[in-house]
């Protein structure tokens, strides 16, 4: 359970990191749509877990790997945007959020069950 400050900083990072991805993302990955779904902060606000959804690519883990290779560049872009709002720019880690993929898979299974009935 995150406290109020963790939620506020997480939302700040979520909004600003999505802008960084709009600017820098096309240089890092090709033909993919990447969205920031959620950001979880550590209690001391030193670490941020950024969950990303990837569309239009079959190799979603490869996109996360490409982002990890450019982590310092992305962190610098994020730092220039949020430096006036936080004392310390957090370390960032990227994780694949496959919630929407699972939801569509379950919807397909339910549709198949309805067809059988």
PDB file of N, CA and C in Angstrom:
ATOM      1  N   UNK A   1       0.844  -1.174   0.000  1.00  0.00           N
ATOM      2  CA  UNK A   1       0.000   0.000   0.000  1.00  0.00           C
ATOM      3  C   UNK A   1       0.889   1.236   0.000  1.00  0.00           C
ATOM      4  N   UNK A   2       0.667   2.099  -0.970  1.00  0.00           N
ATOM      5  CA  UNK A   2       1.462   3.311  -1.060  1.00  0.00           C
ATOM      6  C   UNK A   2       0.803   4.440  -0.281  1.00  0.00           C
ATOM      7  N   UNK A   3       1.640   5.275   0.325  1.00  0.00           N
ATOM      8  CA  UNK A   3       1.084   6.428   1.019  1.00  0.00           C
ATOM      9  C   UNK A   3       0.823   7.559   0.013  1.00  0.00           C
ATOM     10  N   UNK A   4       0.339   8.668   0.506  1.00  0.00           N
ATOM     11  CA  UNK A   4      -0.072   9.756  -0.371  1.00  0.00           C
ATOM     12  C   UNK A   4       1.104  10.332  -1.158  1.00  0.00           C
ATOM     13  N   UNK A   5       2.230  10.520  -0.519  1.00  0.00           N
ATOM     14  CA  UNK A   5       3.391  11.101  -1.203  1.00  0.00           C
ATOM     15  C   UNK A   5       3.918  10.156  -2.279  1.00  0.00           C
ATOM     16  N   UNK A   6       3.951   8.867  -2.000  1.00  0.00           N
ATOM     17  CA  UNK A   6       4.387   7.901  -3.007  1.00  0.00           C
ATOM     18  C   UNK A   6       3.468   7.946  -4.215  1.00  0.00           C
ATOM     19  N   UNK A   7       2.173   8.037  -3.990  1.00  0.00           N
ATOM     20  CA  UNK A   7       1.216   8.104  -5.089  1.00  0.00           C
ATOM     21  C   UNK A   7       1.387   9.379  -5.897  1.00  0.00           C
ATOM     22  N   UNK A   8       1.625  10.492  -5.213  1.00  0.00           N
ATOM     23  CA  UNK A   8       1.805  11.761  -5.917  1.00  0.00           C
ATOM     24  C   UNK A   8       3.051  11.749  -6.789  1.00  0.00           C
ATOM     25  N   UNK A   9       4.158  11.278  -6.244  1.00  0.00           N
ATOM     26  CA  UNK A   9       5.399  11.225  -7.015  1.00  0.00           C
ATOM     27  C   UNK A   9       5.271  10.204  -8.147  1.00  0.00           C
ATOM     28  N   UNK A  10       4.602   9.088  -7.880  1.00  0.00           N
ATOM     29  CA  UNK A  10       4.390   8.090  -8.924  1.00  0.00           C
ATOM     30  C   UNK A  10       3.582   8.645 -10.080  1.00  0.00           C
ATOM     31  N   UNK A  11       2.550   9.405  -9.783  1.00  0.00           N
ATOM     32  CA  UNK A  11       1.734  10.016 -10.832  1.00  0.00           C
ATOM     33  C   UNK A  11       2.526  11.074 -11.600  1.00  0.00           C
ATOM     34  N   UNK A  12       3.352  11.828 -10.903  1.00  0.00           N
ATOM     35  CA  UNK A  12       4.214  12.821 -11.541  1.00  0.00           C
ATOM     36  C   UNK A  12       5.177  12.154 -12.520  1.00  0.00           C
ATOM     37  N   UNK A  13       5.773  11.058 -12.082  1.00  0.00           N
ATOM     38  CA  UNK A  13       6.702  10.328 -12.946  1.00  0.00           C
ATOM     39  C   UNK A  13       5.948   9.702 -14.121  1.00  0.00           C
ATOM     40  N   UNK A  14       4.775   9.183 -13.876  1.00  0.00           N
ATOM     41  CA  UNK A  14       3.985   8.564 -14.943  1.00  0.00           C
ATOM     42  C   UNK A  14       3.681   9.569 -16.051  1.00  0.00           C
ATOM     43  N   UNK A  15       3.201  10.746 -15.689  1.00  0.00           N
ATOM     44  CA  UNK A  15       2.867  11.768 -16.692  1.00  0.00           C
ATOM     45  C   UNK A  15       4.100  12.230 -17.445  1.00  0.00           C
ATOM     46  N   UNK A  16       5.174  12.515 -16.719  1.00  0.00           N
ATOM     47  CA  UNK A  16       6.360  13.057 -17.364  1.00  0.00           C
ATOM     48  C   UNK A  16       7.145  12.010 -18.137  1.00  0.00           C
ATOM     49  N   UNK A  17       7.163  10.770 -17.657  1.00  0.00           N
ATOM     50  CA  UNK A  17       7.879   9.735 -18.396  1.00  0.00           C
ATOM     51  C   UNK A  17       7.157   9.394 -19.698  1.00  0.00           C
ATOM     52  N   UNK A  18       5.839   9.510 -19.712  1.00  0.00           N
ATOM     53  CA  UNK A  18       5.124   9.277 -20.972  1.00  0.00           C
ATOM     54  C   UNK A  18       5.504  10.349 -21.996  1.00  0.00           C
ATOM     55  N   UNK A  19       5.747  11.574 -21.550  1.00  0.00           N
ATOM     56  CA  UNK A  19       6.211  12.622 -22.464  1.00  0.00           C
ATOM     57  C   UNK A  19       7.635  12.342 -22.950  1.00  0.00           C
ATOM     58  N   UNK A  20       8.473  11.817 -22.071  1.00  0.00           N
ATOM     59  CA  UNK A  20       9.835  11.450 -22.468  1.00  0.00           C
ATOM     60  C   UNK A  20       9.781  10.351 -23.521  1.00  0.00           C
ATOM     61  N   UNK A  21       8.885   9.379 -23.345  1.00  0.00           N
ATOM     62  CA  UNK A  21       8.758   8.311 -24.337  1.00  0.00           C
ATOM     63  C   UNK A  21       8.262   8.844 -25.676  1.00  0.00           C
ATOM     64  N   UNK A  22       7.392   9.833 -25.655  1.00  0.00           N
ATOM     65  CA  UNK A  22       6.932  10.420 -26.910  1.00  0.00           C
ATOM     66  C   UNK A  22       8.086  11.077 -27.666  1.00  0.00           C
ATOM     67  N   UNK A  23       8.974  11.732 -26.929  1.00  0.00           N
ATOM     68  CA  UNK A  23      10.093  12.417 -27.562  1.00  0.00           C
ATOM     69  C   UNK A  23      11.222  11.469 -27.947  1.00  0.00           C
ATOM     70  N   UNK A  24      11.609  10.582 -27.046  1.00  0.00           N
ATOM     71  CA  UNK A  24      12.793   9.756 -27.231  1.00  0.00           C
ATOM     72  C   UNK A  24      12.493   8.341 -27.722  1.00  0.00           C
ATOM     73  N   UNK A  25      11.257   7.903 -27.579  1.00  0.00           N
ATOM     74  CA  UNK A  25      10.932   6.509 -27.862  1.00  0.00           C
ATOM     75  C   UNK A  25      11.172   6.078 -29.283  1.00  0.00           C
ATOM     76  N   UNK A  26      10.903   6.948 -30.239  1.00  0.00           N
ATOM     77  CA  UNK A  26      11.060   6.552 -31.645  1.00  0.00           C
ATOM     78  C   UNK A  26      12.517   6.293 -32.005  1.00  0.00           C
ATOM     79  N   UNK A  27      13.454   6.842 -31.224  1.00  0.00           N
ATOM     80  CA  UNK A  27      14.873   6.578 -31.466  1.00  0.00           C
ATOM     81  C   UNK A  27      15.317   5.256 -30.866  1.00  0.00           C
ATOM     82  N   UNK A  28      14.565   4.759 -29.897  1.00  0.00           N
ATOM     83  CA  UNK A  28      14.969   3.554 -29.169  1.00  0.00           C
ATOM     84  C   UNK A  28      14.341   2.302 -29.768  1.00  0.00           C
ATOM     85  N   UNK A  29      13.043   2.322 -29.984  1.00  0.00           N
ATOM     86  CA  UNK A  29      12.345   1.146 -30.511  1.00  0.00           C
ATOM     87  C   UNK A  29      11.592   1.545 -31.773  1.00  0.00           C
ATOM     88  N   UNK A  30      11.393   0.589 -32.637  1.00  0.00           N
ATOM     89  CA  UNK A  30      10.737   0.834 -33.925  1.00  0.00           C
ATOM     90  C   UNK A  30       9.383   0.129 -33.969  1.00  0.00           C
ATOM     91  N   UNK A  31       8.406   0.802 -34.572  1.00  0.00           N
ATOM     92  CA  UNK A  31       7.084   0.225 -34.845  1.00  0.00           C
ATOM     93  C   UNK A  31       6.404  -0.356 -33.615  1.00  0.00           C
ATOM     94  N   UNK A  32       6.482   0.337 -32.520  1.00  0.00           N
ATOM     95  CA  UNK A  32       5.811  -0.119 -31.304  1.00  0.00           C
ATOM     96  C   UNK A  32       5.128   1.070 -30.641  1.00  0.00           C
ATOM     97  N   UNK A  33       4.023   0.773 -30.001  1.00  0.00           N
ATOM     98  CA  UNK A  33       3.322   1.768 -29.208  1.00  0.00           C
ATOM     99  C   UNK A  33       3.505   1.376 -27.749  1.00  0.00           C
ATOM    100  N   UNK A  34       4.172   2.235 -26.994  1.00  0.00           N
ATOM    101  CA  UNK A  34       4.470   1.947 -25.596  1.00  0.00           C
ATOM    102  C   UNK A  34       3.742   2.967 -24.726  1.00  0.00           C
ATOM    103  N   UNK A  35       2.991   2.473 -23.750  1.00  0.00           N
ATOM    104  CA  UNK A  35       2.283   3.353 -22.830  1.00  0.00           C
ATOM    105  C   UNK A  35       2.674   3.015 -21.396  1.00  0.00           C
ATOM    106  N   UNK A  36       2.705   4.035 -20.577  1.00  0.00           N
ATOM    107  CA  UNK A  36       3.006   3.866 -19.152  1.00  0.00           C
ATOM    108  C   UNK A  36       1.686   3.567 -18.458  1.00  0.00           C
ATOM    109  N   UNK A  37       1.567   2.399 -17.849  1.00  0.00           N
ATOM    110  CA  UNK A  37       0.310   2.026 -17.208  1.00  0.00           C
ATOM    111  C   UNK A  37       0.303   2.359 -15.720  1.00  0.00           C
ATOM    112  N   UNK A  38       1.464   2.222 -15.072  1.00  0.00           N
ATOM    113  CA  UNK A  38       1.495   2.524 -13.638  1.00  0.00           C
ATOM    114  C   UNK A  38       2.932   2.669 -13.187  1.00  0.00           C
ATOM    115  N   UNK A  39       3.112   3.432 -12.114  1.00  0.00           N
ATOM    116  CA  UNK A  39       4.431   3.634 -11.512  1.00  0.00           C
ATOM    117  C   UNK A  39       4.297   3.382 -10.017  1.00  0.00           C
ATOM    118  N   UNK A  40       5.127   2.495  -9.507  1.00  0.00           N
ATOM    119  CA  UNK A  40       5.157   2.213  -8.071  1.00  0.00           C
ATOM    120  C   UNK A  40       6.469   2.735  -7.498  1.00  0.00           C
ATOM    121  N   UNK A  41       6.353   3.482  -6.421  1.00  0.00           N
ATOM    122  CA  UNK A  41       7.516   4.093  -5.780  1.00  0.00           C
ATOM    123  C   UNK A  41       7.886   3.323  -4.515  1.00  0.00           C
ATOM    124  N   UNK A  42       9.177   3.304  -4.214  1.00  0.00           N
ATOM    125  CA  UNK A  42       9.629   2.736  -2.948  1.00  0.00           C
ATOM    126  C   UNK A  42       9.282   3.724  -1.829  1.00  0.00           C
ATOM    127  N   UNK A  43       9.230   3.267  -0.583  1.00  0.00           N
ATOM    128  CA  UNK A  43       8.861   4.170   0.517  1.00  0.00           C
ATOM    129  C   UNK A  43       9.795   5.373   0.678  1.00  0.00           C
ATOM    130  N   UNK A  44      11.076   5.213   0.317  1.00  0.00           N
ATOM    131  CA  UNK A  44      12.005   6.341   0.438  1.00  0.00           C
ATOM    132  C   UNK A  44      12.093   7.173  -0.845  1.00  0.00           C
ATOM    133  N   UNK A  45      11.291   6.856  -1.842  1.00  0.00           N
ATOM    134  CA  UNK A  45      11.198   7.574  -3.123  1.00  0.00           C
ATOM    135  C   UNK A  45      12.497   7.536  -3.924  1.00  0.00           C
ATOM    136  N   UNK A  46      13.360   6.544  -3.666  1.00  0.00           N
ATOM    137  CA  UNK A  46      14.615   6.415  -4.406  1.00  0.00           C
ATOM    138  C   UNK A  46      14.485   5.528  -5.635  1.00  0.00           C
ATOM    139  N   UNK A  47      13.467   4.677  -5.679  1.00  0.00           N
ATOM    140  CA  UNK A  47      13.309   3.719  -6.766  1.00  0.00           C
ATOM    141  C   UNK A  47      11.893   3.796  -7.325  1.00  0.00           C
ATOM    142  N   UNK A  48      11.810   3.724  -8.637  1.00  0.00           N
ATOM    143  CA  UNK A  48      10.506   3.728  -9.307  1.00  0.00           C
ATOM    144  C   UNK A  48      10.420   2.514 -10.218  1.00  0.00           C
ATOM    145  N   UNK A  49       9.355   1.755 -10.059  1.00  0.00           N
ATOM    146  CA  UNK A  49       9.062   0.645 -10.961  1.00  0.00           C
ATOM    147  C   UNK A  49       8.051   1.155 -11.975  1.00  0.00           C
ATOM    148  N   UNK A  50       8.460   1.219 -13.229  1.00  0.00           N
ATOM    149  CA  UNK A  50       7.602   1.743 -14.282  1.00  0.00           C
ATOM    150  C   UNK A  50       7.066   0.562 -15.080  1.00  0.00           C
ATOM    151  N   UNK A  51       5.741   0.409 -15.076  1.00  0.00           N
ATOM    152  CA  UNK A  51       5.095  -0.672 -15.810  1.00  0.00           C
ATOM    153  C   UNK A  51       4.625  -0.143 -17.154  1.00  0.00           C
ATOM    154  N   UNK A  52       4.988  -0.864 -18.226  1.00  0.00           N
ATOM    155  CA  UNK A  52       4.721  -0.419 -19.586  1.00  0.00           C
ATOM    156  C   UNK A  52       3.911  -1.463 -20.338  1.00  0.00           C
ATOM    157  N   UNK A  53       2.967  -0.994 -21.145  1.00  0.00           N
ATOM    158  CA  UNK A  53       2.256  -1.865 -22.078  1.00  0.00           C
ATOM    159  C   UNK A  53       2.821  -1.622 -23.465  1.00  0.00           C
ATOM    160  N   UNK A  54       3.029  -2.699 -24.212  1.00  0.00           N
ATOM    161  CA  UNK A  54       3.613  -2.613 -25.551  1.00  0.00           C
ATOM    162  C   UNK A  54       2.606  -3.175 -26.545  1.00  0.00           C
ATOM    163  N   UNK A  55       2.349  -2.399 -27.594  1.00  0.00           N
ATOM    164  CA  UNK A  55       1.425  -2.810 -28.650  1.00  0.00           C
ATOM    165  C   UNK A  55       2.154  -2.812 -29.988  1.00  0.00           C
ATOM    166  N   UNK A  56       1.596  -3.507 -30.959  1.00  0.00           N
ATOM    167  CA  UNK A  56       2.093  -3.591 -32.335  1.00  0.00           C
ATOM    168  C   UNK A  56       3.410  -4.339 -32.456  1.00  0.00           C
ATOM    169  N   UNK A  57       3.797  -5.083 -31.465  1.00  0.00           N
ATOM    170  CA  UNK A  57       5.016  -5.884 -31.538  1.00  0.00           C
ATOM    171  C   UNK A  57       4.743  -7.232 -30.903  1.00  0.00           C
ATOM    172  N   UNK A  58       5.307  -8.268 -31.516  1.00  0.00           N
ATOM    173  CA  UNK A  58       5.183  -9.602 -30.940  1.00  0.00           C
ATOM    174  C   UNK A  58       6.235  -9.837 -29.860  1.00  0.00           C
ATOM    175  N   UNK A  59       7.410  -9.250 -30.042  1.00  0.00           N
ATOM    176  CA  UNK A  59       8.501  -9.433 -29.077  1.00  0.00           C
ATOM    177  C   UNK A  59       8.518  -8.275 -28.077  1.00  0.00           C
ATOM    178  N   UNK A  60       7.582  -8.310 -27.154  1.00  0.00           N
ATOM    179  CA  UNK A  60       7.408  -7.226 -26.186  1.00  0.00           C
ATOM    180  C   UNK A  60       8.573  -7.142 -25.208  1.00  0.00           C
ATOM    181  N   UNK A  61       9.133  -8.271 -24.861  1.00  0.00           N
ATOM    182  CA  UNK A  61      10.271  -8.269 -23.936  1.00  0.00           C
ATOM    183  C   UNK A  61      11.481  -7.592 -24.568  1.00  0.00           C
ATOM    184  N   UNK A  62      11.588  -7.665 -25.895  1.00  0.00           N
ATOM    185  CA  UNK A  62      12.699  -7.016 -26.587  1.00  0.00           C
ATOM    186  C   UNK A  62      12.608  -5.491 -26.468  1.00  0.00           C
ATOM    187  N   UNK A  63      11.392  -4.955 -26.495  1.00  0.00           N
ATOM    188  CA  UNK A  63      11.206  -3.511 -26.337  1.00  0.00           C
ATOM    189  C   UNK A  63      11.652  -3.082 -24.942  1.00  0.00           C
ATOM    190  N   UNK A  64      11.298  -3.866 -23.932  1.00  0.00           N
ATOM    191  CA  UNK A  64      11.720  -3.559 -22.555  1.00  0.00           C
ATOM    192  C   UNK A  64      13.243  -3.624 -22.448  1.00  0.00           C
ATOM    193  N   UNK A  65      13.837  -4.594 -23.123  1.00  0.00           N
ATOM    194  CA  UNK A  65      15.291  -4.717 -23.110  1.00  0.00           C
ATOM    195  C   UNK A  65      15.947  -3.519 -23.790  1.00  0.00           C
ATOM    196  N   UNK A  66      15.369  -3.053 -24.898  1.00  0.00           N
ATOM    197  CA  UNK A  66      15.904  -1.868 -25.580  1.00  0.00           C
ATOM    198  C   UNK A  66      15.788  -0.630 -24.692  1.00  0.00           C
ATOM    199  N   UNK A  67      14.702  -0.517 -23.961  1.00  0.00           N
ATOM    200  CA  UNK A  67      14.544   0.603 -23.036  1.00  0.00           C
ATOM    201  C   UNK A  67      15.563   0.521 -21.909  1.00  0.00           C
ATOM    202  N   UNK A  68      15.839  -0.677 -21.421  1.00  0.00           N
ATOM    203  CA  UNK A  68      16.837  -0.839 -20.358  1.00  0.00           C
ATOM    204  C   UNK A  68      18.231  -0.448 -20.829  1.00  0.00           C
ATOM    205  N   UNK A  69      18.530  -0.681 -22.101  1.00  0.00           N
ATOM    206  CA  UNK A  69      19.829  -0.290 -22.638  1.00  0.00           C
ATOM    207  C   UNK A  69      19.977   1.229 -22.687  1.00  0.00           C
ATOM    208  N   UNK A  70      18.875   1.934 -22.833  1.00  0.00           N
ATOM    209  CA  UNK A  70      18.891   3.397 -22.901  1.00  0.00           C
ATOM    210  C   UNK A  70      18.396   4.038 -21.600  1.00  0.00           C
ATOM    211  N   UNK A  71      18.531   3.315 -20.501  1.00  0.00           N
ATOM    212  CA  UNK A  71      17.993   3.766 -19.218  1.00  0.00           C
ATOM    213  C   UNK A  71      18.570   5.105 -18.771  1.00  0.00           C
ATOM    214  N   UNK A  72      19.867   5.305 -18.928  1.00  0.00           N
ATOM    215  CA  UNK A  72      20.469   6.561 -18.467  1.00  0.00           C
ATOM    216  C   UNK A  72      19.947   7.744 -19.282  1.00  0.00           C
ATOM    217  N   UNK A  73      19.778   7.568 -20.572  1.00  0.00           N
ATOM    218  CA  UNK A  73      19.237   8.633 -21.424  1.00  0.00           C
ATOM    219  C   UNK A  73      17.801   8.973 -21.030  1.00  0.00           C
ATOM    220  N   UNK A  74      17.003   7.949 -20.768  1.00  0.00           N
ATOM    221  CA  UNK A  74      15.620   8.167 -20.367  1.00  0.00           C
ATOM    222  C   UNK A  74      15.535   8.797 -18.980  1.00  0.00           C
ATOM    223  N   UNK A  75      16.424   8.386 -18.086  1.00  0.00           N
ATOM    224  CA  UNK A  75      16.430   8.965 -16.743  1.00  0.00           C
ATOM    225  C   UNK A  75      16.826  10.439 -16.795  1.00  0.00           C
ATOM    226  N   UNK A  76      17.769  10.780 -17.658  1.00  0.00           N
ATOM    227  CA  UNK A  76      18.150  12.186 -17.804  1.00  0.00           C
ATOM    228  C   UNK A  76      16.984  13.010 -18.342  1.00  0.00           C
ATOM    229  N   UNK A  77      16.261  12.469 -19.316  1.00  0.00           N
ATOM    230  CA  UNK A  77      15.090  13.171 -19.841  1.00  0.00           C
ATOM    231  C   UNK A  77      14.018  13.364 -18.787  1.00  0.00           C
ATOM    232  N   UNK A  78      13.827  12.338 -17.972  1.00  0.00           N
ATOM    233  CA  UNK A  78      12.866  12.442 -16.879  1.00  0.00           C
ATOM    234  C   UNK A  78      13.344  13.447 -15.835  1.00  0.00           C
ATOM    235  N   UNK A  79      14.648  13.422 -15.542  1.00  0.00           N
ATOM    236  CA  UNK A  79      15.209  14.320 -14.538  1.00  0.00           C
ATOM    237  C   UNK A  79      15.057  15.786 -14.897  1.00  0.00           C
ATOM    238  N   UNK A  80      15.212  16.111 -16.178  1.00  0.00           N
ATOM    239  CA  UNK A  80      15.053  17.513 -16.573  1.00  0.00           C
ATOM    240  C   UNK A  80      13.614  17.982 -16.401  1.00  0.00           C
ATOM    241  N   UNK A  81      12.668  17.064 -16.472  1.00  0.00           N
ATOM    242  CA  UNK A  81      11.257  17.433 -16.332  1.00  0.00           C
ATOM    243  C   UNK A  81      10.800  17.535 -14.876  1.00  0.00           C
ATOM    244  N   UNK A  82      11.342  16.697 -13.992  1.00  0.00           N
ATOM    245  CA  UNK A  82      10.797  16.655 -12.624  1.00  0.00           C
ATOM    246  C   UNK A  82      11.751  17.201 -11.574  1.00  0.00           C
ATOM    247  N   UNK A  83      12.889  17.739 -11.966  1.00  0.00           N
ATOM    248  CA  UNK A  83      13.885  18.142 -10.967  1.00  0.00           C
ATOM    249  C   UNK A  83      13.401  19.237 -10.021  1.00  0.00           C
ATOM    250  N   UNK A  84      12.456  20.039 -10.441  1.00  0.00           N
ATOM    251  CA  UNK A  84      11.953  21.100  -9.564  1.00  0.00           C
ATOM    252  C   UNK A  84      10.879  20.597  -8.602  1.00  0.00           C
ATOM    253  N   UNK A  85      10.441  19.364  -8.799  1.00  0.00           N
ATOM    254  CA  UNK A  85       9.354  18.819  -7.986  1.00  0.00           C
ATOM    255  C   UNK A  85       9.808  17.802  -6.951  1.00  0.00           C
ATOM    256  N   UNK A  86      10.984  17.212  -7.164  1.00  0.00           N
ATOM    257  CA  UNK A  86      11.484  16.202  -6.232  1.00  0.00           C
ATOM    258  C   UNK A  86      12.919  16.546  -5.835  1.00  0.00           C
ATOM    259  N   UNK A  87      13.328  16.060  -4.680  1.00  0.00           N
ATOM    260  CA  UNK A  87      14.694  16.313  -4.221  1.00  0.00           C
ATOM    261  C   UNK A  87      15.707  15.463  -4.956  1.00  0.00           C
ATOM    262  N   UNK A  88      15.340  14.216  -5.181  1.00  0.00           N
ATOM    263  CA  UNK A  88      16.255  13.235  -5.761  1.00  0.00           C
ATOM    264  C   UNK A  88      15.555  12.533  -6.911  1.00  0.00           C
ATOM    265  N   UNK A  89      16.229  12.433  -8.054  1.00  0.00           N
ATOM    266  CA  UNK A  89      15.663  11.716  -9.194  1.00  0.00           C
ATOM    267  C   UNK A  89      15.786  10.224  -8.885  1.00  0.00           C
ATOM    268  N   UNK A  90      14.673   9.489  -8.912  1.00  0.00           N
ATOM    269  CA  UNK A  90      14.738   8.072  -8.532  1.00  0.00           C
ATOM    270  C   UNK A  90      15.383   7.205  -9.609  1.00  0.00           C
ATOM    271  N   UNK A  91      15.936   6.094  -9.169  1.00  0.00           N
ATOM    272  CA  UNK A  91      16.400   5.069 -10.102  1.00  0.00           C
ATOM    273  C   UNK A  91      15.156   4.430 -10.710  1.00  0.00           C
ATOM    274  N   UNK A  92      15.212   4.131 -11.999  1.00  0.00           N
ATOM    275  CA  UNK A  92      14.029   3.588 -12.662  1.00  0.00           C
ATOM    276  C   UNK A  92      14.302   2.176 -13.168  1.00  0.00           C
ATOM    277  N   UNK A  93      13.281   1.353 -13.090  1.00  0.00           N
ATOM    278  CA  UNK A  93      13.301   0.002 -13.641  1.00  0.00           C
ATOM    279  C   UNK A  93      12.038  -0.181 -14.452  1.00  0.00           C
ATOM    280  N   UNK A  94      12.147  -0.903 -15.557  1.00  0.00           N
ATOM    281  CA  UNK A  94      11.018  -1.114 -16.454  1.00  0.00           C
ATOM    282  C   UNK A  94      10.498  -2.538 -16.324  1.00  0.00           C
ATOM    283  N   UNK A  95       9.173  -2.654 -16.318  1.00  0.00           N
ATOM    284  CA  UNK A  95       8.518  -3.952 -16.240  1.00  0.00           C
ATOM    285  C   UNK A  95       7.402  -3.997 -17.268  1.00  0.00           C
ATOM    286  N   UNK A  96       7.194  -5.151 -17.838  1.00  0.00           N
ATOM    287  CA  UNK A  96       6.142  -5.337 -18.826  1.00  0.00           C
ATOM    288  C   UNK A  96       4.813  -5.566 -18.123  1.00  0.00           C
ATOM    289  N   UNK A  97       3.829  -4.772 -18.469  1.00  0.00           N
ATOM    290  CA  UNK A  97       2.483  -4.917 -17.920  1.00  0.00           C
ATOM    291  C   UNK A  97       1.628  -5.607 -18.972  1.00  0.00           C
ATOM    292  N   UNK A  98       1.307  -6.854 -18.729  1.00  0.00           N
ATOM    293  CA  UNK A  98       0.537  -7.621 -19.708  1.00  0.00           C
ATOM    294  C   UNK A  98      -0.917  -7.800 -19.281  1.00  0.00           C
ATOM    295  N   UNK A  99      -1.414  -6.877 -18.494  1.00  0.00           N
ATOM    296  CA  UNK A  99      -2.787  -6.957 -18.010  1.00  0.00           C
ATOM    297  C   UNK A  99      -3.789  -6.911 -19.161  1.00  0.00           C
ATOM    298  N   UNK A 100      -3.585  -5.994 -20.102  1.00  0.00           N
ATOM    299  CA  UNK A 100      -4.510  -5.876 -21.227  1.00  0.00           C
ATOM    300  C   UNK A 100      -4.450  -7.087 -22.146  1.00  0.00           C
ATOM    301  N   UNK A 101      -3.270  -7.678 -22.303  1.00  0.00           N
ATOM    302  CA  UNK A 101      -3.145  -8.898 -23.105  1.00  0.00           C
ATOM    303  C   UNK A 101      -3.919 -10.042 -22.464  1.00  0.00           C
ATOM    304  N   UNK A 102      -3.800 -10.165 -21.148  1.00  0.00           N
ATOM    305  CA  UNK A 102      -4.533 -11.211 -20.435  1.00  0.00           C
ATOM    306  C   UNK A 102      -6.041 -10.971 -20.513  1.00  0.00           C
ATOM    307  N   UNK A 103      -6.442  -9.718 -20.429  1.00  0.00           N
ATOM    308  CA  UNK A 103      -7.856  -9.391 -20.504  1.00  0.00           C
ATOM    309  C   UNK A 103      -8.427  -9.756 -21.880  1.00  0.00           C
ATOM    310  N   UNK A 104      -7.705  -9.457 -22.942  1.00  0.00           N
ATOM    311  CA  UNK A 104      -8.198  -9.800 -24.279  1.00  0.00           C
ATOM    312  C   UNK A 104      -8.213 -11.318 -24.476  1.00  0.00           C
ATOM    313  N   UNK A 105      -7.231 -12.018 -23.903  1.00  0.00           N
ATOM    314  CA  UNK A 105      -7.208 -13.477 -24.009  1.00  0.00           C
ATOM    315  C   UNK A 105      -8.406 -14.089 -23.283  1.00  0.00           C
ATOM    316  N   UNK A 106      -8.724 -13.554 -22.106  1.00  0.00           N
ATOM    317  CA  UNK A 106      -9.886 -14.046 -21.367  1.00  0.00           C
ATOM    318  C   UNK A 106     -11.190 -13.739 -22.097  1.00  0.00           C
ATOM    319  N   UNK A 107     -11.283 -12.560 -22.709  1.00  0.00           N
ATOM    320  CA  UNK A 107     -12.475 -12.230 -23.489  1.00  0.00           C
ATOM    321  C   UNK A 107     -12.664 -13.185 -24.655  1.00  0.00           C
ATOM    322  N   UNK A 108     -11.568 -13.566 -25.314  1.00  0.00           N
ATOM    323  CA  UNK A 108     -11.648 -14.539 -26.402  1.00  0.00           C
ATOM    324  C   UNK A 108     -12.132 -15.892 -25.885  1.00  0.00           C
ATOM    325  N   UNK A 109     -11.630 -16.300 -24.711  1.00  0.00           N
ATOM    326  CA  UNK A 109     -12.073 -17.577 -24.137  1.00  0.00           C
ATOM    327  C   UNK A 109     -13.559 -17.533 -23.793  1.00  0.00           C
ATOM    328  N   UNK A 110     -14.029 -16.432 -23.231  1.00  0.00           N
ATOM    329  CA  UNK A 110     -15.449 -16.296 -22.906  1.00  0.00           C
ATOM    330  C   UNK A 110     -16.312 -16.291 -24.162  1.00  0.00           C
ATOM    331  N   UNK A 111     -15.813 -15.654 -25.213  1.00  0.00           N
ATOM    332  CA  UNK A 111     -16.559 -15.648 -26.474  1.00  0.00           C
ATOM    333  C   UNK A 111     -16.666 -17.054 -27.051  1.00  0.00           C
ATOM    334  N   UNK A 112     -15.603 -17.840 -26.946  1.00  0.00           N
ATOM    335  CA  UNK A 112     -15.638 -19.217 -27.414  1.00  0.00           C
ATOM    336  C   UNK A 112     -16.640 -20.044 -26.601  1.00  0.00           C
ATOM    337  N   UNK A 113     -16.664 -19.809 -25.283  1.00  0.00           N
ATOM    338  CA  UNK A 113     -17.626 -20.540 -24.443  1.00  0.00           C
ATOM    339  C   UNK A 113     -19.075 -20.171 -24.801  1.00  0.00           C
ATOM    340  N   UNK A 114     -19.313 -18.926 -25.109  1.00  0.00           N
ATOM    341  CA  UNK A 114     -20.669 -18.494 -25.502  1.00  0.00           C
ATOM    342  C   UNK A 114     -21.076 -19.140 -26.827  1.00  0.00           C
ATOM    343  N   UNK A 115     -20.116 -19.266 -27.743  1.00  0.00           N
ATOM    344  CA  UNK A 115     -20.416 -19.889 -29.038  1.00  0.00           C
ATOM    345  C   UNK A 115     -20.758 -21.357 -28.888  1.00  0.00           C
ATOM    346  N   UNK A 116     -20.116 -22.031 -27.939  1.00  0.00           N
ATOM    347  CA  UNK A 116     -20.368 -23.453 -27.717  1.00  0.00           C
ATOM    348  C   UNK A 116     -21.756 -23.693 -27.138  1.00  0.00           C
ATOM    349  N   UNK A 117     -22.230 -22.738 -26.348  1.00  0.00           N
ATOM    350  CA  UNK A 117     -23.574 -22.895 -25.737  1.00  0.00           C
ATOM    351  C   UNK A 117     -24.594 -22.590 -26.767  1.00  0.00           C
TER     352      UNK A 117
END
